[in-house]
Amino acid sequence: MTDLKVVLDWFPNTNHTGFLLAQKRGWFEEAGLNVSIEGDVHGVMETHGADFVCGPQISMLENRMNGVDLIGVAVMTQKCDSGIVSLKESGITRPKDLVGKRLTHWEPAWYHAAIGRLVNEDGGDYSKVDLVPMDVGDIVTVLETVADATWVYENWENEVLREAGHEINYFNLGDVDPVFDFPAPAIAATRDILTREPEAVRVFLRCLDRGYREAAAHPEVVLEVKEYMPEECSDEMLIRSQQHLAPIFLDEQGRWGRIEPLRWNRMSDWLIEVGWYDKRRDDEFTNEYWEAE
């Protein structure tokens, strides 16, 4: 058995159903892999000694600049499922509406470059957005008390807010500007595991591909792995969330995980343009561990 450790980008949720199905149904074990999966709320992509770590492309590139040898090997969705959510009464329906409103933000400078671009190009003034520094855990409490809007993954936080009885407004950042349809959430591997156990990497990705194809075809399978997810989730919420993700899990060929170069390169080039990323690297990502179909 080959031991592999995975650190998710958040606590286990419907973005991770492919991982959880492969674990629950014993596919990893059948393939000769002993896979441990950990996940928690955090705003920085940290490996904690893992072989694979999940997070956005931007965080992967930040790690490369800081000497952490991570290479993108898969993307969970074929469209970046993230954007700005707010309670309906806030009246925030587009980027310029954030002016004068309280927006949570993370520490990295790229956050402000991204949201600032969207607000300013929409006719607003990002300097007039009231920025609230925090890594959001409880989305309901945050939007009910200390902020008007926050950047989220649509599949989860939007459904949590609806489950709490709120009507919401939401706009997907990639729909506003294609550069923000970048690989996120995505999966990076350490160079060490790619070099030391290339076949184990291929087998691991095949297991994930199998799990995500199953989730795309039958969203209700999420209930099989409900035990791994937050206890307060209702069956109805989990199924709604999985149904939302099902159409964007696979590419036009019905395959999961392949990284589309256009999406990756567009974001990397923009980060260089705004002075956040130092230089392009030939091995920022790879699809070579996927079998041709």
C-alpha atoms as a PDB file:
ATOM      1  CA  MET A   1       0.000   0.000   0.000  1.00  0.00           C
ATOM      2  CA  THR A   2       1.185   3.499  -0.813  1.00  0.00           C
ATOM      3  CA  ASP A   3       0.447   6.117   1.844  1.00  0.00           C
ATOM      4  CA  LEU A   4      -0.887   9.456   0.605  1.00  0.00           C
ATOM      5  CA  LYS A   5      -1.979  12.470   2.627  1.00  0.00           C
ATOM      6  CA  VAL A   6      -4.478  15.058   1.386  1.00  0.00           C
ATOM      7  CA  VAL A   7      -5.259  18.443   2.939  1.00  0.00           C
ATOM      8  CA  LEU A   8      -8.526  19.940   1.709  1.00  0.00           C
ATOM      9  CA  ASP A   9      -9.021  23.679   1.289  1.00  0.00           C
ATOM     10  CA  TRP A  10     -11.864  23.763   3.823  1.00  0.00           C
ATOM     11  CA  PHE A  11     -13.923  21.365   5.866  1.00  0.00           C
ATOM     12  CA  PRO A  12     -15.314  18.516   3.739  1.00  0.00           C
ATOM     13  CA  ASN A  13     -18.256  19.680   1.628  1.00  0.00           C
ATOM     14  CA  THR A  14     -19.867  19.009  -1.736  1.00  0.00           C
ATOM     15  CA  ASN A  15     -16.786  20.276  -3.590  1.00  0.00           C
ATOM     16  CA  HIS A  16     -15.008  17.235  -2.162  1.00  0.00           C
ATOM     17  CA  THR A  17     -17.594  14.512  -2.793  1.00  0.00           C
ATOM     18  CA  GLY A  18     -15.312  12.707  -5.253  1.00  0.00           C
ATOM     19  CA  PHE A  19     -12.649  12.329  -2.554  1.00  0.00           C
ATOM     20  CA  LEU A  20     -15.162  11.190   0.022  1.00  0.00           C
ATOM     21  CA  LEU A  21     -16.867   8.650  -2.254  1.00  0.00           C
ATOM     22  CA  ALA A  22     -13.529   7.113  -3.203  1.00  0.00           C
ATOM     23  CA  GLN A  23     -12.717   6.799   0.491  1.00  0.00           C
ATOM     24  CA  LYS A  24     -16.147   5.566   1.595  1.00  0.00           C
ATOM     25  CA  ARG A  25     -16.521   2.976  -1.162  1.00  0.00           C
ATOM     26  CA  GLY A  26     -13.006   1.648  -0.727  1.00  0.00           C
ATOM     27  CA  TRP A  27     -11.746   2.593  -4.177  1.00  0.00           C
ATOM     28  CA  PHE A  28      -8.470   3.973  -2.839  1.00  0.00           C
ATOM     29  CA  GLU A  29      -7.801   0.810  -0.883  1.00  0.00           C
ATOM     30  CA  GLU A  30      -8.710  -1.413  -3.840  1.00  0.00           C
ATOM     31  CA  ALA A  31      -6.176   0.541  -5.896  1.00  0.00           C
ATOM     32  CA  GLY A  32      -3.410  -0.021  -3.361  1.00  0.00           C
ATOM     33  CA  LEU A  33      -3.571   3.401  -1.734  1.00  0.00           C
ATOM     34  CA  ASN A  34      -3.855   4.282   1.939  1.00  0.00           C
ATOM     35  CA  VAL A  35      -5.253   7.821   1.739  1.00  0.00           C
ATOM     36  CA  SER A  36      -5.749  10.130   4.705  1.00  0.00           C
ATOM     37  CA  ILE A  37      -7.926  13.196   4.155  1.00  0.00           C
ATOM     38  CA  GLU A  38      -7.898  16.243   6.419  1.00  0.00           C
ATOM     39  CA  GLY A  39      -9.793  19.491   6.101  1.00  0.00           C
ATOM     40  CA  ASP A  40     -10.520  22.608   8.114  1.00  0.00           C
ATOM     41  CA  VAL A  41     -11.324  26.263   7.623  1.00  0.00           C
ATOM     42  CA  HIS A  42      -8.208  28.204   6.701  1.00  0.00           C
ATOM     43  CA  GLY A  43      -7.350  31.110   4.437  1.00  0.00           C
ATOM     44  CA  VAL A  44      -3.819  30.080   3.498  1.00  0.00           C
ATOM     45  CA  MET A  45      -2.918  27.042   1.423  1.00  0.00           C
ATOM     46  CA  GLU A  46      -0.640  25.018   3.715  1.00  0.00           C
ATOM     47  CA  THR A  47       0.638  21.490   3.065  1.00  0.00           C
ATOM     48  CA  HIS A  48       1.126  20.361   6.683  1.00  0.00           C
ATOM     49  CA  GLY A  49       3.334  17.592   5.299  1.00  0.00           C
ATOM     50  CA  ALA A  50       0.722  16.431   2.782  1.00  0.00           C
ATOM     51  CA  ASP A  51       1.298  15.019  -0.692  1.00  0.00           C
ATOM     52  CA  PHE A  52      -1.728  16.818  -2.130  1.00  0.00           C
ATOM     53  CA  VAL A  53      -3.261  20.086  -1.015  1.00  0.00           C
ATOM     54  CA  CYS A  54      -6.406  21.760  -2.312  1.00  0.00           C
ATOM     55  CA  GLY A  55      -6.886  25.456  -2.942  1.00  0.00           C
ATOM     56  CA  PRO A  56      -7.061  28.120  -5.658  1.00  0.00           C
ATOM     57  CA  GLN A  57      -4.460  28.479  -8.390  1.00  0.00           C
ATOM     58  CA  ILE A  58      -3.432  31.845  -6.958  1.00  0.00           C
ATOM     59  CA  SER A  59      -2.411  30.264  -3.656  1.00  0.00           C
ATOM     60  CA  MET A  60      -0.460  27.580  -5.499  1.00  0.00           C
ATOM     61  CA  LEU A  61       1.520  30.258  -7.308  1.00  0.00           C
ATOM     62  CA  GLU A  62       2.097  32.125  -4.057  1.00  0.00           C
ATOM     63  CA  ASN A  63       3.572  28.960  -2.588  1.00  0.00           C
ATOM     64  CA  ARG A  64       5.872  28.554  -5.586  1.00  0.00           C
ATOM     65  CA  MET A  65       7.205  32.069  -5.072  1.00  0.00           C
ATOM     66  CA  ASN A  66       7.809  31.247  -1.420  1.00  0.00           C
ATOM     67  CA  GLY A  67       9.772  28.100  -2.224  1.00  0.00           C
ATOM     68  CA  VAL A  68       7.060  25.481  -1.664  1.00  0.00           C
ATOM     69  CA  ASP A  69       7.320  23.145  -4.660  1.00  0.00           C
ATOM     70  CA  LEU A  70       3.660  22.586  -5.561  1.00  0.00           C
ATOM     71  CA  ILE A  71       2.386  21.750  -9.055  1.00  0.00           C
ATOM     72  CA  GLY A  72      -1.253  21.907 -10.088  1.00  0.00           C
ATOM     73  CA  VAL A  73      -2.530  18.470 -11.156  1.00  0.00           C
ATOM     74  CA  ALA A  74      -6.331  18.769 -11.188  1.00  0.00           C
ATOM     75  CA  VAL A  75      -9.224  21.194 -10.960  1.00  0.00           C
ATOM     76  CA  MET A  76     -12.422  20.260  -9.146  1.00  0.00           C
ATOM     77  CA  THR A  77     -14.810  22.219 -11.356  1.00  0.00           C
ATOM     78  CA  GLN A  78     -14.564  23.293 -14.984  1.00  0.00           C
ATOM     79  CA  LYS A  79     -15.885  26.730 -14.040  1.00  0.00           C
ATOM     80  CA  CYS A  80     -14.666  28.765 -11.077  1.00  0.00           C
ATOM     81  CA  ASP A  81     -17.676  28.564  -8.789  1.00  0.00           C
ATOM     82  CA  SER A  82     -16.903  31.655  -6.731  1.00  0.00           C
ATOM     83  CA  GLY A  83     -18.235  35.151  -6.383  1.00  0.00           C
ATOM     84  CA  ILE A  84     -19.653  37.781  -4.075  1.00  0.00           C
ATOM     85  CA  VAL A  85     -22.679  36.959  -1.933  1.00  0.00           C
ATOM     86  CA  SER A  86     -24.775  39.346   0.138  1.00  0.00           C
ATOM     87  CA  LEU A  87     -28.169  39.425   1.762  1.00  0.00           C
ATOM     88  CA  LYS A  88     -30.830  40.648  -0.648  1.00  0.00           C
ATOM     89  CA  GLU A  89     -31.620  43.725   1.432  1.00  0.00           C
ATOM     90  CA  SER A  90     -28.071  44.986   0.897  1.00  0.00           C
ATOM     91  CA  GLY A  91     -28.863  45.780  -2.735  1.00  0.00           C
ATOM     92  CA  ILE A  92     -25.486  44.489  -3.967  1.00  0.00           C
ATOM     93  CA  THR A  93     -26.072  43.003  -7.413  1.00  0.00           C
ATOM     94  CA  ARG A  94     -22.858  43.993  -9.225  1.00  0.00           C
ATOM     95  CA  PRO A  95     -19.285  45.008  -8.338  1.00  0.00           C
ATOM     96  CA  LYS A  96     -19.840  48.792  -8.169  1.00  0.00           C
ATOM     97  CA  ASP A  97     -22.581  48.246  -5.578  1.00  0.00           C
ATOM     98  CA  LEU A  98     -19.854  47.312  -3.080  1.00  0.00           C
ATOM     99  CA  VAL A  99     -18.941  50.997  -2.754  1.00  0.00           C
ATOM    100  CA  GLY A 100     -19.916  52.165   0.719  1.00  0.00           C
ATOM    101  CA  LYS A 101     -20.617  48.598   1.859  1.00  0.00           C
ATOM    102  CA  ARG A 102     -18.699  46.333   4.262  1.00  0.00           C
ATOM    103  CA  LEU A 103     -16.736  43.660   2.399  1.00  0.00           C
ATOM    104  CA  THR A 104     -14.696  40.969   4.150  1.00  0.00           C
ATOM    105  CA  HIS A 105     -11.233  40.383   2.765  1.00  0.00           C
ATOM    106  CA  TRP A 106      -8.163  38.184   3.155  1.00  0.00           C
ATOM    107  CA  GLU A 107      -4.636  39.401   3.770  1.00  0.00           C
ATOM    108  CA  PRO A 108      -2.944  38.742   0.378  1.00  0.00           C
ATOM    109  CA  ALA A 109      -2.560  41.767  -1.898  1.00  0.00           C
ATOM    110  CA  TRP A 110      -3.966  39.870  -4.861  1.00  0.00           C
ATOM    111  CA  TYR A 111      -7.408  39.969  -3.227  1.00  0.00           C
ATOM    112  CA  HIS A 112      -7.498  43.753  -3.520  1.00  0.00           C
ATOM    113  CA  ALA A 113      -6.084  43.670  -7.038  1.00  0.00           C
ATOM    114  CA  ALA A 114      -8.875  41.304  -8.066  1.00  0.00           C
ATOM    115  CA  ILE A 115     -11.882  42.912  -6.398  1.00  0.00           C
ATOM    116  CA  GLY A 116     -10.491  46.378  -7.049  1.00  0.00           C
ATOM    117  CA  ARG A 117     -10.317  45.637 -10.759  1.00  0.00           C
ATOM    118  CA  LEU A 118     -13.911  44.458 -10.815  1.00  0.00           C
ATOM    119  CA  VAL A 119     -15.276  47.399  -8.818  1.00  0.00           C
ATOM    120  CA  ASN A 120     -13.320  50.069 -10.699  1.00  0.00           C
ATOM    121  CA  GLU A 121     -14.066  48.645 -14.160  1.00  0.00           C
ATOM    122  CA  ASP A 122     -17.749  48.582 -13.235  1.00  0.00           C
ATOM    123  CA  GLY A 123     -17.679  52.318 -12.560  1.00  0.00           C
ATOM    124  CA  GLY A 124     -17.141  52.216  -8.821  1.00  0.00           C
ATOM    125  CA  ASP A 125     -14.262  53.312  -6.570  1.00  0.00           C
ATOM    126  CA  TYR A 126     -12.653  50.459  -4.651  1.00  0.00           C
ATOM    127  CA  SER A 127     -11.051  52.901  -2.200  1.00  0.00           C
ATOM    128  CA  LYS A 128     -14.549  53.657  -0.950  1.00  0.00           C
ATOM    129  CA  VAL A 129     -15.376  50.041  -0.100  1.00  0.00           C
ATOM    130  CA  ASP A 130     -15.414  49.453   3.678  1.00  0.00           C
ATOM    131  CA  LEU A 131     -12.973  46.554   4.073  1.00  0.00           C
ATOM    132  CA  VAL A 132     -13.414  44.127   6.973  1.00  0.00           C
ATOM    133  CA  PRO A 133     -10.321  41.889   7.469  1.00  0.00           C
ATOM    134  CA  MET A 134     -11.353  38.361   8.386  1.00  0.00           C
ATOM    135  CA  ASP A 135     -11.390  34.744   7.244  1.00  0.00           C
ATOM    136  CA  VAL A 136     -15.089  33.907   7.200  1.00  0.00           C
ATOM    137  CA  GLY A 137     -16.220  30.712   8.897  1.00  0.00           C
ATOM    138  CA  ASP A 138     -19.874  31.225   9.862  1.00  0.00           C
ATOM    139  CA  ILE A 139     -21.278  32.997   6.803  1.00  0.00           C
ATOM    140  CA  VAL A 140     -24.721  33.515   8.338  1.00  0.00           C
ATOM    141  CA  THR A 141     -23.456  35.319  11.445  1.00  0.00           C
ATOM    142  CA  VAL A 142     -20.985  37.402   9.443  1.00  0.00           C
ATOM    143  CA  LEU A 143     -23.585  38.741   7.008  1.00  0.00           C
ATOM    144  CA  GLU A 144     -26.103  39.267   9.785  1.00  0.00           C
ATOM    145  CA  THR A 145     -23.689  41.344  11.868  1.00  0.00           C
ATOM    146  CA  VAL A 146     -20.265  42.571  10.731  1.00  0.00           C
ATOM    147  CA  ALA A 147     -20.292  42.600   6.906  1.00  0.00           C
ATOM    148  CA  ASP A 148     -22.552  43.171   3.920  1.00  0.00           C
ATOM    149  CA  ALA A 149     -20.736  40.954   1.425  1.00  0.00           C
ATOM    150  CA  THR A 150     -18.020  38.327   1.145  1.00  0.00           C
ATOM    151  CA  TRP A 151     -16.241  36.252  -1.504  1.00  0.00           C
ATOM    152  CA  VAL A 152     -17.503  32.663  -1.348  1.00  0.00           C
ATOM    153  CA  TYR A 153     -17.864  29.399  -3.209  1.00  0.00           C
ATOM    154  CA  GLU A 154     -21.413  29.384  -4.510  1.00  0.00           C
ATOM    155  CA  ASN A 155     -22.049  25.690  -3.918  1.00  0.00           C
ATOM    156  CA  TRP A 156     -21.771  25.971  -0.153  1.00  0.00           C
ATOM    157  CA  GLU A 157     -22.209  29.386   1.461  1.00  0.00           C
ATOM    158  CA  ASN A 158     -25.137  30.337  -0.755  1.00  0.00           C
ATOM    159  CA  GLU A 159     -26.956  27.173   0.268  1.00  0.00           C
ATOM    160  CA  VAL A 160     -26.094  27.721   3.946  1.00  0.00           C
ATOM    161  CA  LEU A 161     -27.649  31.192   3.755  1.00  0.00           C
ATOM    162  CA  ARG A 162     -30.763  29.870   2.058  1.00  0.00           C
ATOM    163  CA  GLU A 163     -31.001  27.105   4.639  1.00  0.00           C
ATOM    164  CA  ALA A 164     -31.000  29.825   7.321  1.00  0.00           C
ATOM    165  CA  GLY A 165     -33.993  31.462   5.636  1.00  0.00           C
ATOM    166  CA  HIS A 166     -32.195  34.327   3.893  1.00  0.00           C
ATOM    167  CA  GLU A 167     -32.806  35.652   0.394  1.00  0.00           C
ATOM    168  CA  ILE A 168     -29.507  36.518  -1.259  1.00  0.00           C
ATOM    169  CA  ASN A 169     -27.855  38.344  -4.115  1.00  0.00           C
ATOM    170  CA  TYR A 170     -24.835  36.819  -5.820  1.00  0.00           C
ATOM    171  CA  PHE A 171     -22.635  37.443  -8.821  1.00  0.00           C
ATOM    172  CA  ASN A 172     -19.976  35.064 -10.151  1.00  0.00           C
ATOM    173  CA  LEU A 173     -16.644  36.828 -10.662  1.00  0.00           C
ATOM    174  CA  GLY A 174     -15.812  34.875 -13.808  1.00  0.00           C
ATOM    175  CA  ASP A 175     -19.096  35.976 -15.363  1.00  0.00           C
ATOM    176  CA  VAL A 176     -18.084  39.589 -14.793  1.00  0.00           C
ATOM    177  CA  ASP A 177     -14.497  39.187 -16.045  1.00  0.00           C
ATOM    178  CA  PRO A 178     -13.174  35.957 -17.652  1.00  0.00           C
ATOM    179  CA  VAL A 179      -9.760  36.282 -15.985  1.00  0.00           C
ATOM    180  CA  PHE A 180     -11.446  35.283 -12.727  1.00  0.00           C
ATOM    181  CA  ASP A 181     -12.711  32.016 -14.168  1.00  0.00           C
ATOM    182  CA  PHE A 182      -9.458  30.467 -12.972  1.00  0.00           C
ATOM    183  CA  PRO A 183      -8.816  26.962 -11.569  1.00  0.00           C
ATOM    184  CA  ALA A 184     -10.371  27.058  -8.100  1.00  0.00           C
ATOM    185  CA  PRO A 185     -10.834  24.939  -6.190  1.00  0.00           C
ATOM    186  CA  ALA A 186      -7.926  22.937  -7.555  1.00  0.00           C
ATOM    187  CA  ILE A 187      -5.492  20.274  -6.398  1.00  0.00           C
ATOM    188  CA  ALA A 188      -1.717  20.611  -6.200  1.00  0.00           C
ATOM    189  CA  ALA A 189       0.823  17.859  -5.652  1.00  0.00           C
ATOM    190  CA  THR A 190       4.285  18.193  -4.193  1.00  0.00           C
ATOM    191  CA  ARG A 191       7.146  17.681  -6.581  1.00  0.00           C
ATOM    192  CA  ASP A 192       8.367  15.003  -4.208  1.00  0.00           C
ATOM    193  CA  ILE A 193       5.309  12.761  -4.636  1.00  0.00           C
ATOM    194  CA  LEU A 194       5.235  13.342  -8.397  1.00  0.00           C
ATOM    195  CA  THR A 195       8.860  12.261  -8.666  1.00  0.00           C
ATOM    196  CA  ARG A 196       8.819   9.473  -6.101  1.00  0.00           C
ATOM    197  CA  GLU A 197       5.421   7.846  -6.788  1.00  0.00           C
ATOM    198  CA  PRO A 198       4.222   8.867 -10.278  1.00  0.00           C
ATOM    199  CA  GLU A 199       2.076   5.753 -10.718  1.00  0.00           C
ATOM    200  CA  ALA A 200       0.428   6.279  -7.333  1.00  0.00           C
ATOM    201  CA  VAL A 201      -0.454   9.811  -8.451  1.00  0.00           C
ATOM    202  CA  ARG A 202      -2.075   8.448 -11.613  1.00  0.00           C
ATOM    203  CA  VAL A 203      -4.039   5.873  -9.627  1.00  0.00           C
ATOM    204  CA  PHE A 204      -5.118   8.497  -7.085  1.00  0.00           C
ATOM    205  CA  LEU A 205      -6.426  10.784  -9.834  1.00  0.00           C
ATOM    206  CA  ARG A 206      -8.257   7.885 -11.490  1.00  0.00           C
ATOM    207  CA  CYS A 207     -10.061   7.195  -8.217  1.00  0.00           C
ATOM    208  CA  LEU A 208     -11.050  10.846  -7.943  1.00  0.00           C
ATOM    209  CA  ASP A 209     -12.204  10.888 -11.558  1.00  0.00           C
ATOM    210  CA  ARG A 210     -14.433   7.912 -10.791  1.00  0.00           C
ATOM    211  CA  GLY A 211     -15.877   9.623  -7.709  1.00  0.00           C
ATOM    212  CA  TYR A 212     -16.602  12.931  -9.400  1.00  0.00           C
ATOM    213  CA  ARG A 213     -18.183  11.305 -12.451  1.00  0.00           C
ATOM    214  CA  GLU A 214     -20.479   9.460 -10.047  1.00  0.00           C
ATOM    215  CA  ALA A 215     -21.368  12.694  -8.234  1.00  0.00           C
ATOM    216  CA  ALA A 216     -22.029  14.458 -11.537  1.00  0.00           C
ATOM    217  CA  ALA A 217     -24.328  11.700 -12.780  1.00  0.00           C
ATOM    218  CA  HIS A 218     -26.091  11.053  -9.466  1.00  0.00           C
ATOM    219  CA  PRO A 219     -25.949  14.089  -7.133  1.00  0.00           C
ATOM    220  CA  GLU A 220     -27.923  12.253  -4.470  1.00  0.00           C
ATOM    221  CA  VAL A 221     -24.874  10.080  -3.725  1.00  0.00           C
ATOM    222  CA  VAL A 222     -23.692  12.944  -1.558  1.00  0.00           C
ATOM    223  CA  LEU A 223     -25.878  11.456   1.175  1.00  0.00           C
ATOM    224  CA  GLU A 224     -23.550   8.441   1.301  1.00  0.00           C
ATOM    225  CA  VAL A 225     -20.801  10.700   2.595  1.00  0.00           C
ATOM    226  CA  LYS A 226     -22.909  13.018   4.739  1.00  0.00           C
ATOM    227  CA  GLU A 227     -21.110  11.737   7.843  1.00  0.00           C
ATOM    228  CA  TYR A 228     -17.955  13.567   6.764  1.00  0.00           C
ATOM    229  CA  MET A 229     -19.725  16.930   6.420  1.00  0.00           C
ATOM    230  CA  PRO A 230     -20.965  19.460   9.005  1.00  0.00           C
ATOM    231  CA  GLU A 231     -23.674  17.978  11.210  1.00  0.00           C
ATOM    232  CA  GLU A 232     -26.129  20.842  10.716  1.00  0.00           C
ATOM    233  CA  CYS A 233     -26.548  20.142   6.979  1.00  0.00           C
ATOM    234  CA  SER A 234     -29.932  18.834   5.916  1.00  0.00           C
ATOM    235  CA  ASP A 235     -30.249  16.183   3.219  1.00  0.00           C
ATOM    236  CA  GLU A 236     -32.107  18.685   1.054  1.00  0.00           C
ATOM    237  CA  MET A 237     -29.335  21.264   1.295  1.00  0.00           C
ATOM    238  CA  LEU A 238     -26.634  18.745   0.407  1.00  0.00           C
ATOM    239  CA  ILE A 239     -28.548  17.514  -2.621  1.00  0.00           C
ATOM    240  CA  ARG A 240     -29.257  21.072  -3.811  1.00  0.00           C
ATOM    241  CA  SER A 241     -25.575  21.901  -3.481  1.00  0.00           C
ATOM    242  CA  GLN A 242     -24.504  18.756  -5.345  1.00  0.00           C
ATOM    243  CA  GLN A 243     -27.053  19.380  -8.094  1.00  0.00           C
ATOM    244  CA  HIS A 244     -25.611  22.853  -8.529  1.00  0.00           C
ATOM    245  CA  LEU A 245     -22.105  21.430  -8.979  1.00  0.00           C
ATOM    246  CA  ALA A 246     -23.027  18.465 -11.184  1.00  0.00           C
ATOM    247  CA  PRO A 247     -23.040  20.417 -14.503  1.00  0.00           C
ATOM    248  CA  ILE A 248     -19.598  21.941 -13.894  1.00  0.00           C
ATOM    249  CA  PHE A 249     -17.664  18.954 -12.552  1.00  0.00           C
ATOM    250  CA  LEU A 250     -16.844  17.492 -15.982  1.00  0.00           C
ATOM    251  CA  ASP A 251     -15.442  18.900 -19.198  1.00  0.00           C
ATOM    252  CA  GLU A 252     -17.091  18.634 -22.624  1.00  0.00           C
ATOM    253  CA  GLN A 253     -15.608  15.143 -23.039  1.00  0.00           C
ATOM    254  CA  GLY A 254     -17.195  14.012 -19.771  1.00  0.00           C
ATOM    255  CA  ARG A 255     -13.846  13.917 -17.938  1.00  0.00           C
ATOM    256  CA  TRP A 256     -13.082  15.310 -14.507  1.00  0.00           C
ATOM    257  CA  GLY A 257     -10.007  17.129 -13.304  1.00  0.00           C
ATOM    258  CA  ARG A 258      -8.189  18.224 -16.448  1.00  0.00           C
ATOM    259  CA  ILE A 259      -6.776  21.722 -16.179  1.00  0.00           C
ATOM    260  CA  GLU A 260      -7.677  23.926 -19.146  1.00  0.00           C
ATOM    261  CA  PRO A 261      -4.502  25.863 -20.068  1.00  0.00           C
ATOM    262  CA  LEU A 262      -6.436  29.007 -21.072  1.00  0.00           C
ATOM    263  CA  ARG A 263      -7.973  29.337 -17.624  1.00  0.00           C
ATOM    264  CA  TRP A 264      -4.640  28.819 -15.872  1.00  0.00           C
ATOM    265  CA  ASN A 265      -2.495  30.981 -18.157  1.00  0.00           C
ATOM    266  CA  ARG A 266      -4.927  33.890 -18.187  1.00  0.00           C
ATOM    267  CA  MET A 267      -4.759  34.183 -14.394  1.00  0.00           C
ATOM    268  CA  SER A 268      -0.974  33.672 -14.159  1.00  0.00           C
ATOM    269  CA  ASP A 269      -0.375  36.361 -16.779  1.00  0.00           C
ATOM    270  CA  TRP A 270      -2.721  38.790 -15.025  1.00  0.00           C
ATOM    271  CA  LEU A 271      -0.959  38.268 -11.691  1.00  0.00           C
ATOM    272  CA  ILE A 272       2.321  39.200 -13.370  1.00  0.00           C
ATOM    273  CA  GLU A 273       0.644  42.217 -14.971  1.00  0.00           C
ATOM    274  CA  VAL A 274      -0.458  43.569 -11.584  1.00  0.00           C
ATOM    275  CA  GLY A 275       2.920  42.847  -9.981  1.00  0.00           C
ATOM    276  CA  TRP A 276       1.829  40.124  -7.614  1.00  0.00           C
ATOM    277  CA  TYR A 277       3.491  37.119  -9.322  1.00  0.00           C
ATOM    278  CA  ASP A 278       7.192  37.305 -10.155  1.00  0.00           C
ATOM    279  CA  LYS A 279       7.536  35.146 -13.286  1.00  0.00           C
ATOM    280  CA  ARG A 280       5.964  32.309 -15.241  1.00  0.00           C
ATOM    281  CA  ARG A 281       7.222  28.773 -14.598  1.00  0.00           C
ATOM    282  CA  ASP A 282       7.026  25.962 -17.134  1.00  0.00           C
ATOM    283  CA  ASP A 283       5.728  23.513 -14.530  1.00  0.00           C
ATOM    284  CA  GLU A 284       3.036  25.539 -12.737  1.00  0.00           C
ATOM    285  CA  PHE A 285       0.549  22.830 -13.696  1.00  0.00           C
ATOM    286  CA  THR A 286       0.441  19.559 -15.600  1.00  0.00           C
ATOM    287  CA  ASN A 287      -2.100  17.183 -17.124  1.00  0.00           C
ATOM    288  CA  GLU A 288       0.506  14.481 -17.783  1.00  0.00           C
ATOM    289  CA  TYR A 289      -0.689  12.240 -14.960  1.00  0.00           C
ATOM    290  CA  TRP A 290      -4.002  11.724 -16.725  1.00  0.00           C
ATOM    291  CA  GLU A 291      -4.416   8.875 -19.180  1.00  0.00           C
ATOM    292  CA  ALA A 292      -5.444   9.787 -22.714  1.00  0.00           C
ATOM    293  CA  GLU A 293      -9.088   9.055 -23.528  1.00  0.00           C
END
